[in-house]
Every structure is written in structure tokens, then in C-alpha cells.
Protein backbone atom coordinates (compact mmCIF):
# COMPACT_ATOMS: atom_id res chain seq x y z
CA UNK A 1 11.99 0.44 -21.04
CA UNK A 2 15.65 -0.41 -21.64
CA UNK A 3 15.85 -4.01 -20.45
CA UNK A 4 19.64 -4.01 -20.89
CA UNK A 5 20.08 -1.84 -17.80
CA UNK A 6 21.80 -3.74 -14.93
CA UNK A 7 18.98 -3.36 -12.41
CA UNK A 8 16.40 -5.03 -14.63
CA UNK A 9 18.77 -7.95 -15.14
CA UNK A 10 19.22 -8.14 -11.37
CA UNK A 11 15.50 -8.10 -10.72
CA UNK A 12 14.70 -10.93 -13.08
CA UNK A 13 17.19 -13.15 -11.27
CA UNK A 14 15.20 -15.05 -8.66
CA UNK A 15 18.04 -15.08 -6.15
CA UNK A 16 18.29 -11.27 -6.15
CA UNK A 17 14.72 -10.68 -4.95
CA UNK A 18 14.09 -10.92 -1.19
CA UNK A 19 12.32 -14.17 -0.29
CA UNK A 20 8.68 -14.11 0.69
CA UNK A 21 8.55 -13.92 4.51
CA UNK A 22 7.16 -17.05 6.14
CA UNK A 23 4.33 -15.22 7.89
CA UNK A 24 3.34 -13.60 4.61
CA UNK A 25 3.24 -17.01 2.92
CA UNK A 26 0.84 -18.28 5.58
CA UNK A 27 -1.32 -15.17 5.25
CA UNK A 28 -1.46 -15.57 1.47
CA UNK A 29 -2.94 -19.04 1.92
CA UNK A 30 -5.57 -17.51 4.17
CA UNK A 31 -6.40 -14.85 1.59
CA UNK A 32 -7.16 -17.66 -0.86
CA UNK A 33 -9.47 -19.31 1.70
CA UNK A 34 -12.92 -17.65 1.81
CA UNK A 35 -13.81 -19.63 4.95
CA UNK A 36 -10.79 -18.71 7.07
CA UNK A 37 -11.66 -18.57 10.76
CA UNK A 38 -10.84 -15.74 13.14
CA UNK A 39 -8.99 -18.05 15.54
CA UNK A 40 -6.77 -19.43 12.78
CA UNK A 41 -5.83 -15.96 11.54
CA UNK A 42 -5.13 -14.73 15.05
CA UNK A 43 -2.87 -17.73 15.71
CA UNK A 44 -0.74 -17.09 12.59
CA UNK A 45 -0.27 -13.44 13.55
CA UNK A 46 0.45 -14.18 17.21
CA UNK A 47 3.25 -16.56 16.18
CA UNK A 48 5.05 -13.48 14.84
CA UNK A 49 5.46 -11.30 17.98
CA UNK A 50 6.71 -8.12 16.21
CA UNK A 51 3.83 -8.28 13.73
CA UNK A 52 1.37 -8.97 16.54
CA UNK A 53 2.62 -5.96 18.50
CA UNK A 54 2.36 -3.65 15.51
CA UNK A 55 -1.18 -4.77 14.72
CA UNK A 56 -2.25 -4.21 18.30
CA UNK A 57 -0.72 -0.75 18.03
CA UNK A 58 -2.81 -0.11 14.92
CA UNK A 59 -6.01 -1.33 16.57
CA UNK A 60 -5.40 0.93 19.58
CA UNK A 61 -4.41 3.98 17.54
CA UNK A 62 -6.32 7.26 17.37
CA UNK A 63 -6.97 6.49 13.71
CA UNK A 64 -9.39 3.72 14.72
CA UNK A 65 -10.14 5.03 18.23
CA UNK A 66 -11.52 1.92 19.98
CA UNK A 67 -13.72 2.73 23.00
CA UNK A 68 -11.73 0.27 25.14
CA UNK A 69 -8.08 -0.88 24.85
CA UNK A 70 -7.54 -3.87 22.57
CA UNK A 71 -5.41 -6.57 24.21
CA UNK A 72 -5.42 -9.48 21.74
CA UNK A 73 -5.42 -10.03 17.99
CA UNK A 74 -8.82 -11.70 18.24
CA UNK A 75 -10.18 -8.56 19.92
CA UNK A 76 -8.64 -6.44 17.16
CA UNK A 77 -10.47 -8.56 14.59
CA UNK A 78 -13.83 -8.73 16.35
CA UNK A 79 -14.07 -5.31 17.97
CA UNK A 80 -12.15 -2.89 15.73
CA UNK A 81 -10.76 -3.87 12.35
CA UNK A 82 -12.59 -6.91 11.05
CA UNK A 83 -11.16 -10.14 9.68
CA UNK A 84 -10.42 -8.96 6.15
CA UNK A 85 -8.70 -5.75 7.20
CA UNK A 86 -6.53 -7.51 9.78
CA UNK A 87 -5.58 -10.14 7.22
CA UNK A 88 -4.71 -7.55 4.56
CA UNK A 89 -2.90 -5.23 6.96
CA UNK A 90 -0.91 -8.11 8.44
CA UNK A 91 0.08 -9.19 4.94
CA UNK A 92 1.24 -5.66 4.06
CA UNK A 93 3.31 -5.41 7.23
CA UNK A 94 4.83 -8.87 6.74
CA UNK A 95 5.77 -8.16 3.12
CA UNK A 96 7.36 -4.81 3.96
CA UNK A 97 9.31 -6.26 6.87
CA UNK A 98 11.87 -7.94 4.63
CA UNK A 99 13.26 -4.71 3.19
CA UNK A 100 16.00 -2.45 4.51
CA UNK A 101 15.72 1.30 3.88
CA UNK A 102 18.56 2.50 6.11
CA UNK A 103 21.04 2.98 3.22
CA UNK A 104 18.73 5.46 1.45
CA UNK A 105 18.58 8.46 3.82
CA UNK A 106 16.23 10.52 1.65
CA UNK A 107 13.57 7.80 1.63
CA UNK A 108 10.75 8.72 4.01
CA UNK A 109 9.43 5.46 5.44
CA UNK A 110 6.74 7.26 7.41
CA UNK A 111 5.65 8.98 4.20
CA UNK A 112 5.55 5.59 2.49
CA UNK A 113 3.14 4.24 5.10
CA UNK A 114 1.03 7.42 5.05
CA UNK A 115 0.51 6.92 1.32
CA UNK A 116 -0.05 3.16 1.61
CA UNK A 117 -2.47 3.28 4.55
CA UNK A 118 -4.24 6.42 3.34
CA UNK A 119 -4.72 5.12 -0.20
CA UNK A 120 -6.00 1.79 1.15
CA UNK A 121 -8.46 3.41 3.53
CA UNK A 122 -9.78 5.90 0.97
CA UNK A 123 -9.98 3.38 -1.89
CA UNK A 124 -11.94 0.87 0.20
CA UNK A 125 -14.27 3.61 1.39
CA UNK A 126 -14.89 4.78 -2.16
CA UNK A 127 -15.57 1.20 -3.23
CA UNK A 128 -18.31 1.00 -0.57
CA UNK A 129 -19.72 4.35 -1.70
CA UNK A 130 -19.40 3.58 -5.41
CA UNK A 131 -22.31 4.14 -7.76
CA UNK A 132 -20.41 2.42 -10.57
CA UNK A 133 -21.79 -0.69 -12.22
CA UNK A 134 -20.01 -3.75 -10.80
CA UNK A 135 -17.85 -1.82 -8.29
CA UNK A 136 -14.70 -3.46 -6.93
CA UNK A 137 -14.78 -5.37 -3.68
CA UNK A 138 -13.85 -2.97 -0.82
CA UNK A 139 -11.53 -5.50 0.81
CA UNK A 140 -9.68 -6.05 -2.48
CA UNK A 141 -9.45 -2.28 -2.97
CA UNK A 142 -7.92 -1.98 0.49
CA UNK A 143 -5.34 -4.67 -0.28
CA UNK A 144 -4.37 -3.13 -3.63
CA UNK A 145 -4.16 0.34 -2.07
CA UNK A 146 -2.01 -0.91 0.79
CA UNK A 147 0.47 -2.67 -1.51
CA UNK A 148 0.40 -0.36 -4.53
CA UNK A 149 3.74 1.34 -3.72
CA UNK A 150 5.60 -1.85 -2.75
CA UNK A 151 8.05 -1.31 -5.62
CA UNK A 152 9.48 1.72 -3.85
CA UNK A 153 10.65 -0.51 -1.01
CA UNK A 154 12.19 -2.98 -3.44
CA UNK A 155 14.21 -0.29 -5.27
CA UNK A 156 15.30 1.35 -2.01
CA UNK A 157 16.39 -2.07 -0.73
CA UNK A 158 18.25 -3.15 -3.88
CA UNK A 159 19.60 0.16 -5.21
CA UNK A 160 19.66 2.60 -2.29
CA UNK A 161 22.26 4.95 -3.82
CA UNK A 162 20.35 5.33 -7.08
CA UNK A 163 17.04 5.84 -5.28
CA UNK A 164 18.62 8.40 -2.99
CA UNK A 165 19.86 10.28 -6.06
CA UNK A 166 16.40 10.06 -7.67
CA UNK A 167 14.86 11.51 -4.51
CA UNK A 168 17.52 14.25 -4.42
CA UNK A 169 16.65 15.27 -7.97
CA UNK A 170 12.96 15.24 -7.12
CA UNK A 171 13.63 17.43 -4.10
CA UNK A 172 15.53 19.97 -6.21
CA UNK A 173 12.77 20.00 -8.84
CA UNK A 174 9.41 19.13 -7.20
CA UNK A 175 7.63 19.55 -10.53
CA UNK A 176 9.65 16.70 -12.02
CA UNK A 177 8.68 13.02 -11.88
CA UNK A 178 10.23 10.47 -9.55
CA UNK A 179 9.35 7.81 -12.12
CA UNK A 180 11.37 9.63 -14.79
CA UNK A 181 14.38 9.90 -12.47
CA UNK A 182 14.16 6.20 -11.62
CA UNK A 183 14.04 5.24 -15.29
CA UNK A 184 17.04 7.44 -16.07
CA UNK A 185 19.14 6.07 -13.22
CA UNK A 186 18.04 2.42 -13.11
CA UNK A 187 16.26 1.54 -16.33
CA UNK A 188 12.84 0.94 -14.74
CA UNK A 189 10.49 2.59 -12.26
CA UNK A 190 8.88 1.52 -9.01
CA UNK A 191 5.64 0.54 -10.78
CA UNK A 192 7.44 -2.01 -12.95
CA UNK A 193 9.51 -3.20 -9.97
CA UNK A 194 6.41 -3.60 -7.79
CA UNK A 195 4.54 -5.54 -10.46
CA UNK A 196 7.53 -7.85 -10.96
CA UNK A 197 7.82 -8.42 -7.21
CA UNK A 198 4.09 -9.12 -6.80
CA UNK A 199 4.24 -11.76 -9.51
CA UNK A 200 7.45 -13.29 -8.20
CA UNK A 201 5.91 -13.61 -4.73
CA UNK A 202 2.71 -14.93 -6.32
CA UNK A 203 0.50 -12.34 -4.69
CA UNK A 204 -3.13 -12.26 -5.84
CA UNK A 205 -3.04 -11.37 -9.58
CA UNK A 206 -5.07 -8.16 -9.13
CA UNK A 207 -2.17 -6.68 -7.13
CA UNK A 208 0.51 -7.06 -9.79
CA UNK A 209 -1.85 -6.02 -12.58
CA UNK A 210 -2.96 -2.92 -10.68
CA UNK A 211 0.56 -1.83 -9.74
CA UNK A 212 1.73 -2.19 -13.32
CA UNK A 213 -1.14 -0.03 -14.59
CA UNK A 214 -0.49 2.82 -12.17
CA UNK A 215 2.15 4.16 -14.53
CA UNK A 216 0.02 3.58 -17.63
CA UNK A 217 -2.26 6.40 -18.76
CA UNK A 218 -4.37 4.10 -20.91
CA UNK A 219 -7.60 2.72 -19.50
CA UNK A 220 -7.19 -1.04 -18.83
CA UNK A 221 -9.83 -3.47 -20.04
CA UNK A 222 -9.70 -5.69 -16.98
CA UNK A 223 -10.07 -4.38 -13.46
CA UNK A 224 -10.67 -0.84 -14.71
CA UNK A 225 -12.98 0.04 -11.81
CA UNK A 226 -10.33 -1.03 -9.31
CA UNK A 227 -7.63 1.00 -11.06
CA UNK A 228 -9.97 3.98 -11.32
CA UNK A 229 -10.69 4.10 -7.58
CA UNK A 230 -7.23 3.26 -6.23
CA UNK A 231 -5.52 5.68 -8.62
CA UNK A 232 -8.04 8.40 -7.70
CA UNK A 233 -7.43 7.76 -4.00
CA UNK A 234 -3.66 8.03 -4.36
CA UNK A 235 -3.79 11.13 -6.55
CA UNK A 236 -6.14 13.02 -4.23
CA UNK A 237 -4.16 12.03 -1.15
CA UNK A 238 -0.89 13.14 -2.78
CA UNK A 239 -2.49 16.46 -3.72
CA UNK A 240 -3.70 17.05 -0.16
CA UNK A 241 -0.36 16.09 1.37
CA UNK A 242 1.31 18.62 -0.95
CA UNK A 243 -0.96 21.37 0.35
CA UNK A 244 -3.67 21.23 -2.30
CA UNK A 245 -7.20 22.18 -1.39
CA UNK A 246 -9.49 20.71 -4.02
CA UNK A 247 -12.34 18.65 -2.55
CA UNK A 248 -12.55 14.97 -3.36
CA UNK A 249 -14.60 14.36 -6.49
CA UNK A 250 -14.48 10.97 -8.16
CA UNK A 251 -16.66 9.82 -11.02
CA UNK A 252 -18.90 6.98 -9.88
CA UNK A 253 -18.57 7.69 -6.13
CA UNK A 254 -21.36 9.11 -3.98
CA UNK A 255 -20.97 12.91 -3.68
CA UNK A 256 -21.99 12.94 -0.01
CA UNK A 257 -19.22 10.49 0.83
CA UNK A 258 -16.67 12.56 -1.11
CA UNK A 259 -17.74 15.76 0.67
CA UNK A 260 -17.46 14.10 4.08
CA UNK A 261 -13.99 12.74 3.39
CA UNK A 262 -12.84 16.15 2.16
CA UNK A 263 -14.12 17.84 5.33
CA UNK A 264 -12.56 15.23 7.60
CA UNK A 265 -9.15 15.21 5.91
CA UNK A 266 -7.21 17.37 8.39
CA UNK A 267 -8.18 15.40 11.50
CA UNK A 268 -7.96 12.12 9.62
CA UNK A 269 -4.49 12.95 8.32
CA UNK A 270 -3.09 13.82 11.75
CA UNK A 271 -4.16 10.43 13.11
CA UNK A 272 -2.93 8.71 9.94
CA UNK A 273 0.56 10.20 10.28
CA UNK A 274 0.79 9.06 13.90
CA UNK A 275 -0.29 5.58 12.80
CA UNK A 276 2.27 5.56 9.96
CA UNK A 277 5.08 6.45 12.37
CA UNK A 278 4.21 3.38 14.42
CA UNK A 279 4.78 1.22 11.33
CA UNK A 280 8.43 2.25 10.86
């Protein structure tokens, strides 16, 4: 990486990075607390009305299909999503809320959320179905999957013209790499930007480490099971969204689970896209 490029210099200046939203800061403290109570989490979310409304929309979506309408954040936690998922999803929404994407017309915000939510859901499911020794925690896999492409939002926010050009080049040559275009135009890619942002915001260390390793073909020593599952989830989802038809097969994940997810993809994806639109 050429660290003399202007964008890298901008990113390492603290004042150039968007501040951590207040709600996200409160949620981060709750992530560090293993004994956080449902009522306390619900109160933090309800103090942020836009976030509360979006989470209720998620809980009532076809993707989760509750048997009865969900009216409160506590109901969303108890009846539909669970404490850890609400906490992680609320954090992802709060973090993303500080970025503007309007100046980059080629950036597909719905597509961003499809990849974030889909990777999170699939990675956490694979963690539960893992036959690996010492598999990653499903809740941590969900959080890493949800935030793995956060660097895209940072680059779109800080350098919308360059990102729009990178996306234009990718559109003209779909076999090319967005990462390569980003490096050519800005001196770094969205993996490096996301890792830098995660560390600047002092997110849980596994998030920054995992994002950084997404663009690294070498097998990491630490957290390798997490990287293996989240990377596999993203790659398969990207393949399916591009019209690929290969069934899900991941080393160390139960074959029955993989077959079921492959069969369910079409219906699951339709509901996922509707859910992603509600996040924009």
C-alpha cells in the first residue's frame, strides 16, 4: 500500500473520521457487559427514535415473520430476535447512520445492507452448525458479518467521487476487482479503511482484525475459524446474488444445514432484499 496517497493521510487524522455516534457508544458498553439486562438495552434503543423504529421494522419484517405484530423493543428482544441479535443489529445501524452516501450515485445502499445482513445471518447460522473444533461464537460471527463491509461506507462518505469512479470501472468490467480500483484511485481499499475505522472507534478487536484479513489470502493464526466462516458466507452470498447456482458447501459445517440453506436461498433472498430496503 502506498501510504503517501492523500486519502490514507486523511484517514489517519482523527478529526477526519466521523465521530462514534452516541447511541453506538452506549451499545458498545453493553457489548462488553455479559450481564446486560433486556430492559436496559431496550431503554438505550428507545432513546433513539429513528433507530427504535428501524428495529421494530426489522422485527416485523417477512424475513423474521413474527406470528403477531411486535410493538416494543422489549417484545422484539423477547419474542423475535433475542438480546444479542438486537444489540448487534442496533450497533450496526447506529454505526452506519453517521455516513452520507448521497454524493456517490453508483453506490447501492440497499445492496450494502443485503450483503451485511445476509453475511451476518449466514455466518451465525454456520457457526451454530459448525463441526469445527472450537467453532466461533454465533453472536460474534453475526456481529463481524454485519460490520465486515463498514469500510465501504467510510470511503463513500469521505471520497464519493473516487468511489463512484471505482464503481463505474467495476460496472464496465465486472470481472475486475473493486479493491484494485480503490487502491488505484485512493491508495487503499475498503478492507484497510474498515479495519482502521473499527480500531479508531474502539470496536471489539475481533471486528477490526477480521475486516483487515478479508483482503488477505493467507490463513490467519488468530481467529481463523471466524474468518473462515464469515468469508465463506460472504463469498457464497455474492456468488448467488450474481446468478451463480453452486450449492453451499463449507468445510467444517454440517452438510444438512448447507443443503437447507441452499434450497431456501430464493425465498430467503426476497425477504432479505425487502428488509435491506427498510434500512436505507
